[in-house]
Amino acid sequence: MAKHTRGSGKDGPVPFQQRITCSVSDAEAATGISRSQLYLEMKAGRLEYLKRGTRRLVRVPSLLKLLE
């Protein structure tokens, strides 16, 4: 049985732009924006996210819009 890896589907990894959400760490790695700046953007309402327990999931379309 194949080991499940984060962000991969049956046909391989999902391209970043097609993902619905990503972790703050993934957003930081993909954009070069610091974690603290990402949290400031979330607090200011310029970056949409979901909160599940203590975890925040950044909405990728919102992140891409922020970069425009």
PDB file of N, CA and C in Angstrom:
ATOM      1  N   MET A   1       0.848  -1.174   0.000  1.00  0.00           N
ATOM      2  CA  MET A   1       0.000   0.000   0.000  1.00  0.00           C
ATOM      3  C   MET A   1       0.897   1.242   0.000  1.00  0.00           C
ATOM      4  N   ALA A   2       0.569   2.211  -0.853  1.00  0.00           N
ATOM      5  CA  ALA A   2       1.367   3.427  -0.953  1.00  0.00           C
ATOM      6  C   ALA A   2       1.126   4.330   0.243  1.00  0.00           C
ATOM      7  N   LYS A   3       2.175   4.982   0.670  1.00  0.00           N
ATOM      8  CA  LYS A   3       2.072   5.921   1.781  1.00  0.00           C
ATOM      9  C   LYS A   3       1.412   7.207   1.296  1.00  0.00           C
ATOM     10  N   HIS A   4       0.448   7.717   2.061  1.00  0.00           N
ATOM     11  CA  HIS A   4      -0.229   8.966   1.714  1.00  0.00           C
ATOM     12  C   HIS A   4       0.700  10.135   2.007  1.00  0.00           C
ATOM     13  N   THR A   5       0.860  11.011   1.046  1.00  0.00           N
ATOM     14  CA  THR A   5       1.649  12.223   1.267  1.00  0.00           C
ATOM     15  C   THR A   5       0.737  13.425   1.141  1.00  0.00           C
ATOM     16  N   ARG A   6       1.020  14.437   1.921  1.00  0.00           N
ATOM     17  CA  ARG A   6       0.196  15.634   1.965  1.00  0.00           C
ATOM     18  C   ARG A   6       0.142  16.290   0.590  1.00  0.00           C
ATOM     19  N   GLY A   7      -1.064  16.656   0.184  1.00  0.00           N
ATOM     20  CA  GLY A   7      -1.248  17.383  -1.066  1.00  0.00           C
ATOM     21  C   GLY A   7      -1.211  16.512  -2.301  1.00  0.00           C
ATOM     22  N   SER A   8      -1.260  15.196  -2.147  1.00  0.00           N
ATOM     23  CA  SER A   8      -1.231  14.347  -3.333  1.00  0.00           C
ATOM     24  C   SER A   8      -2.546  13.599  -3.480  1.00  0.00           C
ATOM     25  N   GLY A   9      -2.946  13.424  -4.704  1.00  0.00           N
ATOM     26  CA  GLY A   9      -4.156  12.674  -5.007  1.00  0.00           C
ATOM     27  C   GLY A   9      -3.774  11.381  -5.692  1.00  0.00           C
ATOM     28  N   LYS A  10      -4.756  10.704  -6.244  1.00  0.00           N
ATOM     29  CA  LYS A  10      -4.474   9.429  -6.885  1.00  0.00           C
ATOM     30  C   LYS A  10      -3.603   9.590  -8.127  1.00  0.00           C
ATOM     31  N   ASP A  11      -3.631  10.770  -8.741  1.00  0.00           N
ATOM     32  CA  ASP A  11      -2.839  11.020  -9.947  1.00  0.00           C
ATOM     33  C   ASP A  11      -1.573  11.827  -9.660  1.00  0.00           C
ATOM     34  N   GLY A  12      -1.184  11.952  -8.416  1.00  0.00           N
ATOM     35  CA  GLY A  12       0.021  12.698  -8.053  1.00  0.00           C
ATOM     36  C   GLY A  12      -0.327  13.985  -7.333  1.00  0.00           C
ATOM     37  N   PRO A  13       0.692  14.784  -7.047  1.00  0.00           N
ATOM     38  CA  PRO A  13       0.469  16.030  -6.302  1.00  0.00           C
ATOM     39  C   PRO A  13      -0.435  17.001  -7.056  1.00  0.00           C
ATOM     40  N   VAL A  14      -1.246  17.712  -6.299  1.00  0.00           N
ATOM     41  CA  VAL A  14      -2.127  18.734  -6.869  1.00  0.00           C
ATOM     42  C   VAL A  14      -1.299  20.005  -7.046  1.00  0.00           C
ATOM     43  N   PRO A  15      -1.311  20.619  -8.244  1.00  0.00           N
ATOM     44  CA  PRO A  15      -0.571  21.878  -8.421  1.00  0.00           C
ATOM     45  C   PRO A  15      -1.031  22.922  -7.405  1.00  0.00           C
ATOM     46  N   PHE A  16      -0.093  23.707  -6.897  1.00  0.00           N
ATOM     47  CA  PHE A  16      -0.392  24.662  -5.837  1.00  0.00           C
ATOM     48  C   PHE A  16      -1.573  25.556  -6.181  1.00  0.00           C
ATOM     49  N   GLN A  17      -1.617  26.086  -7.408  1.00  0.00           N
ATOM     50  CA  GLN A  17      -2.683  27.013  -7.804  1.00  0.00           C
ATOM     51  C   GLN A  17      -4.055  26.357  -7.795  1.00  0.00           C
ATOM     52  N   GLN A  18      -4.125  25.032  -7.856  1.00  0.00           N
ATOM     53  CA  GLN A  18      -5.404  24.331  -7.869  1.00  0.00           C
ATOM     54  C   GLN A  18      -5.841  23.880  -6.478  1.00  0.00           C
ATOM     55  N   ARG A  19      -4.988  24.054  -5.490  1.00  0.00           N
ATOM     56  CA  ARG A  19      -5.352  23.667  -4.131  1.00  0.00           C
ATOM     57  C   ARG A  19      -6.387  24.637  -3.571  1.00  0.00           C
ATOM     58  N   ILE A  20      -7.216  24.155  -2.674  1.00  0.00           N
ATOM     59  CA  ILE A  20      -8.232  24.994  -2.032  1.00  0.00           C
ATOM     60  C   ILE A  20      -7.612  25.739  -0.860  1.00  0.00           C
ATOM     61  N   THR A  21      -6.844  25.030  -0.061  1.00  0.00           N
ATOM     62  CA  THR A  21      -6.180  25.627   1.094  1.00  0.00           C
ATOM     63  C   THR A  21      -4.750  25.125   1.188  1.00  0.00           C
ATOM     64  N   CYS A  22      -3.972  25.806   2.019  1.00  0.00           N
ATOM     65  CA  CYS A  22      -2.617  25.359   2.328  1.00  0.00           C
ATOM     66  C   CYS A  22      -2.295  25.809   3.746  1.00  0.00           C
ATOM     67  N   SER A  23      -1.290  25.201   4.319  1.00  0.00           N
ATOM     68  CA  SER A  23      -0.856  25.604   5.655  1.00  0.00           C
ATOM     69  C   SER A  23      -0.140  26.945   5.580  1.00  0.00           C
ATOM     70  N   VAL A  24       0.025  27.579   6.711  1.00  0.00           N
ATOM     71  CA  VAL A  24       0.770  28.837   6.762  1.00  0.00           C
ATOM     72  C   VAL A  24       2.215  28.577   6.323  1.00  0.00           C
ATOM     73  N   SER A  25       2.769  27.440   6.722  1.00  0.00           N
ATOM     74  CA  SER A  25       4.141  27.088   6.315  1.00  0.00           C
ATOM     75  C   SER A  25       4.253  26.934   4.799  1.00  0.00           C
ATOM     76  N   ASP A  26       3.253  26.291   4.180  1.00  0.00           N
ATOM     77  CA  ASP A  26       3.258  26.142   2.723  1.00  0.00           C
ATOM     78  C   ASP A  26       3.125  27.496   2.039  1.00  0.00           C
ATOM     79  N   ALA A  27       2.281  28.376   2.583  1.00  0.00           N
ATOM     80  CA  ALA A  27       2.107  29.719   2.018  1.00  0.00           C
ATOM     81  C   ALA A  27       3.408  30.506   2.114  1.00  0.00           C
ATOM     82  N   GLU A  28       4.098  30.370   3.235  1.00  0.00           N
ATOM     83  CA  GLU A  28       5.377  31.046   3.424  1.00  0.00           C
ATOM     84  C   GLU A  28       6.403  30.549   2.407  1.00  0.00           C
ATOM     85  N   ALA A  29       6.491  29.231   2.237  1.00  0.00           N
ATOM     86  CA  ALA A  29       7.459  28.642   1.310  1.00  0.00           C
ATOM     87  C   ALA A  29       7.146  29.009  -0.139  1.00  0.00           C
ATOM     88  N   ALA A  30       5.866  29.047  -0.492  1.00  0.00           N
ATOM     89  CA  ALA A  30       5.464  29.318  -1.872  1.00  0.00           C
ATOM     90  C   ALA A  30       5.635  30.778  -2.270  1.00  0.00           C
ATOM     91  N   THR A  31       5.511  31.692  -1.298  1.00  0.00           N
ATOM     92  CA  THR A  31       5.512  33.120  -1.632  1.00  0.00           C
ATOM     93  C   THR A  31       6.745  33.882  -1.176  1.00  0.00           C
ATOM     94  N   GLY A  32       7.419  33.373  -0.155  1.00  0.00           N
ATOM     95  CA  GLY A  32       8.538  34.120   0.419  1.00  0.00           C
ATOM     96  C   GLY A  32       8.088  35.172   1.420  1.00  0.00           C
ATOM     97  N   ILE A  33       6.780  35.227   1.698  1.00  0.00           N
ATOM     98  CA  ILE A  33       6.251  36.154   2.698  1.00  0.00           C
ATOM     99  C   ILE A  33       6.431  35.508   4.067  1.00  0.00           C
ATOM    100  N   SER A  34       6.921  36.261   5.026  1.00  0.00           N
ATOM    101  CA  SER A  34       7.187  35.706   6.356  1.00  0.00           C
ATOM    102  C   SER A  34       5.895  35.284   7.050  1.00  0.00           C
ATOM    103  N   ARG A  35       6.036  34.345   7.995  1.00  0.00           N
ATOM    104  CA  ARG A  35       4.879  33.878   8.771  1.00  0.00           C
ATOM    105  C   ARG A  35       4.204  35.047   9.480  1.00  0.00           C
ATOM    106  N   SER A  36       5.020  35.917  10.082  1.00  0.00           N
ATOM    107  CA  SER A  36       4.437  37.037  10.826  1.00  0.00           C
ATOM    108  C   SER A  36       3.651  37.961   9.896  1.00  0.00           C
ATOM    109  N   GLN A  37       4.152  38.184   8.690  1.00  0.00           N
ATOM    110  CA  GLN A  37       3.426  39.032   7.741  1.00  0.00           C
ATOM    111  C   GLN A  37       2.141  38.349   7.279  1.00  0.00           C
ATOM    112  N   LEU A  38       2.186  37.040   7.077  1.00  0.00           N
ATOM    113  CA  LEU A  38       0.974  36.306   6.701  1.00  0.00           C
ATOM    114  C   LEU A  38      -0.087  36.431   7.785  1.00  0.00           C
ATOM    115  N   TYR A  39       0.324  36.288   9.051  1.00  0.00           N
ATOM    116  CA  TYR A  39      -0.630  36.432  10.155  1.00  0.00           C
ATOM    117  C   TYR A  39      -1.181  37.859  10.220  1.00  0.00           C
ATOM    118  N   LEU A  40      -0.355  38.855   9.947  1.00  0.00           N
ATOM    119  CA  LEU A  40      -0.837  40.247   9.921  1.00  0.00           C
ATOM    120  C   LEU A  40      -1.866  40.446   8.804  1.00  0.00           C
ATOM    121  N   GLU A  41      -1.615  39.840   7.638  1.00  0.00           N
ATOM    122  CA  GLU A  41      -2.555  39.942   6.519  1.00  0.00           C
ATOM    123  C   GLU A  41      -3.882  39.258   6.862  1.00  0.00           C
ATOM    124  N   MET A  42      -3.814  38.136   7.582  1.00  0.00           N
ATOM    125  CA  MET A  42      -5.043  37.456   8.015  1.00  0.00           C
ATOM    126  C   MET A  42      -5.811  38.331   8.995  1.00  0.00           C
ATOM    127  N   LYS A  43      -5.104  38.891   9.952  1.00  0.00           N
ATOM    128  CA  LYS A  43      -5.746  39.730  10.976  1.00  0.00           C
ATOM    129  C   LYS A  43      -6.398  40.961  10.353  1.00  0.00           C
ATOM    130  N   ALA A  44      -5.747  41.524   9.323  1.00  0.00           N
ATOM    131  CA  ALA A  44      -6.275  42.712   8.652  1.00  0.00           C
ATOM    132  C   ALA A  44      -7.421  42.389   7.692  1.00  0.00           C
ATOM    133  N   GLY A  45      -7.661  41.094   7.449  1.00  0.00           N
ATOM    134  CA  GLY A  45      -8.746  40.697   6.561  1.00  0.00           C
ATOM    135  C   GLY A  45      -8.372  40.667   5.095  1.00  0.00           C
ATOM    136  N   ARG A  46      -7.094  40.834   4.787  1.00  0.00           N
ATOM    137  CA  ARG A  46      -6.654  40.812   3.387  1.00  0.00           C
ATOM    138  C   ARG A  46      -6.316  39.410   2.902  1.00  0.00           C
ATOM    139  N   LEU A  47      -6.225  38.458   3.822  1.00  0.00           N
ATOM    140  CA  LEU A  47      -5.912  37.075   3.477  1.00  0.00           C
ATOM    141  C   LEU A  47      -6.945  36.175   4.165  1.00  0.00           C
ATOM    142  N   GLU A  48      -7.727  35.456   3.358  1.00  0.00           N
ATOM    143  CA  GLU A  48      -8.778  34.600   3.898  1.00  0.00           C
ATOM    144  C   GLU A  48      -8.185  33.281   4.387  1.00  0.00           C
ATOM    145  N   TYR A  49      -8.770  32.764   5.465  1.00  0.00           N
ATOM    146  CA  TYR A  49      -8.292  31.497   6.026  1.00  0.00           C
ATOM    147  C   TYR A  49      -9.430  30.801   6.755  1.00  0.00           C
ATOM    148  N   LEU A  50      -9.229  29.529   7.002  1.00  0.00           N
ATOM    149  CA  LEU A  50     -10.142  28.730   7.816  1.00  0.00           C
ATOM    150  C   LEU A  50      -9.414  28.380   9.089  1.00  0.00           C
ATOM    151  N   LYS A  51     -10.114  28.318  10.188  1.00  0.00           N
ATOM    152  CA  LYS A  51      -9.490  27.913  11.442  1.00  0.00           C
ATOM    153  C   LYS A  51     -10.147  26.627  11.910  1.00  0.00           C
ATOM    154  N   ARG A  52      -9.349  25.612  12.078  1.00  0.00           N
ATOM    155  CA  ARG A  52      -9.804  24.309  12.560  1.00  0.00           C
ATOM    156  C   ARG A  52      -9.011  23.993  13.810  1.00  0.00           C
ATOM    157  N   GLY A  53      -9.659  24.157  14.953  1.00  0.00           N
ATOM    158  CA  GLY A  53      -8.931  24.000  16.216  1.00  0.00           C
ATOM    159  C   GLY A  53      -7.916  25.122  16.326  1.00  0.00           C
ATOM    160  N   THR A  54      -6.667  24.768  16.484  1.00  0.00           N
ATOM    161  CA  THR A  54      -5.608  25.782  16.564  1.00  0.00           C
ATOM    162  C   THR A  54      -4.920  25.994  15.222  1.00  0.00           C
ATOM    163  N   ARG A  55      -5.309  25.233  14.216  1.00  0.00           N
ATOM    164  CA  ARG A  55      -4.651  25.296  12.913  1.00  0.00           C
ATOM    165  C   ARG A  55      -5.348  26.282  11.995  1.00  0.00           C
ATOM    166  N   ARG A  56      -4.550  27.044  11.261  1.00  0.00           N
ATOM    167  CA  ARG A  56      -5.093  27.961  10.253  1.00  0.00           C
ATOM    168  C   ARG A  56      -4.730  27.444   8.876  1.00  0.00           C
ATOM    169  N   LEU A  57      -5.716  27.386   8.009  1.00  0.00           N
ATOM    170  CA  LEU A  57      -5.508  26.977   6.627  1.00  0.00           C
ATOM    171  C   LEU A  57      -5.787  28.173   5.736  1.00  0.00           C
ATOM    172  N   VAL A  58      -4.795  28.588   5.000  1.00  0.00           N
ATOM    173  CA  VAL A  58      -4.896  29.749   4.119  1.00  0.00           C
ATOM    174  C   VAL A  58      -5.639  29.339   2.856  1.00  0.00           C
ATOM    175  N   ARG A  59      -6.589  30.151   2.436  1.00  0.00           N
ATOM    176  CA  ARG A  59      -7.293  29.901   1.172  1.00  0.00           C
ATOM    177  C   ARG A  59      -6.367  30.320   0.027  1.00  0.00           C
ATOM    178  N   VAL A  60      -6.001  29.357  -0.813  1.00  0.00           N
ATOM    179  CA  VAL A  60      -5.036  29.610  -1.885  1.00  0.00           C
ATOM    180  C   VAL A  60      -5.501  30.700  -2.846  1.00  0.00           C
ATOM    181  N   PRO A  61      -6.772  30.719  -3.299  1.00  0.00           N
ATOM    182  CA  PRO A  61      -7.182  31.819  -4.188  1.00  0.00           C
ATOM    183  C   PRO A  61      -6.967  33.204  -3.557  1.00  0.00           C
ATOM    184  N   SER A  62      -7.198  33.324  -2.259  1.00  0.00           N
ATOM    185  CA  SER A  62      -6.981  34.587  -1.565  1.00  0.00           C
ATOM    186  C   SER A  62      -5.498  34.938  -1.531  1.00  0.00           C
ATOM    187  N   LEU A  63      -4.659  33.933  -1.323  1.00  0.00           N
ATOM    188  CA  LEU A  63      -3.201  34.142  -1.302  1.00  0.00           C
ATOM    189  C   LEU A  63      -2.723  34.607  -2.676  1.00  0.00           C
ATOM    190  N   LEU A  64      -3.210  33.962  -3.741  1.00  0.00           N
ATOM    191  CA  LEU A  64      -2.814  34.356  -5.089  1.00  0.00           C
ATOM    192  C   LEU A  64      -3.276  35.779  -5.408  1.00  0.00           C
ATOM    193  N   LYS A  65      -4.477  36.147  -4.946  1.00  0.00           N
ATOM    194  CA  LYS A  65      -4.983  37.502  -5.168  1.00  0.00           C
ATOM    195  C   LYS A  65      -4.129  38.533  -4.435  1.00  0.00           C
ATOM    196  N   LEU A  66      -3.680  38.181  -3.230  1.00  0.00           N
ATOM    197  CA  LEU A  66      -2.831  39.070  -2.445  1.00  0.00           C
ATOM    198  C   LEU A  66      -1.532  39.381  -3.178  1.00  0.00           C
ATOM    199  N   LEU A  67      -1.049  38.421  -3.963  1.00  0.00           N
ATOM    200  CA  LEU A  67       0.219  38.582  -4.682  1.00  0.00           C
ATOM    201  C   LEU A  67       0.102  39.415  -5.954  1.00  0.00           C
ATOM    202  N   GLU A  68      -1.132  39.646  -6.416  1.00  0.00           N
ATOM    203  CA  GLU A  68      -1.320  40.421  -7.654  1.00  0.00           C
ATOM    204  C   GLU A  68      -0.937  41.873  -7.470  1.00  0.00           C
TER     205      GLU A  68
END
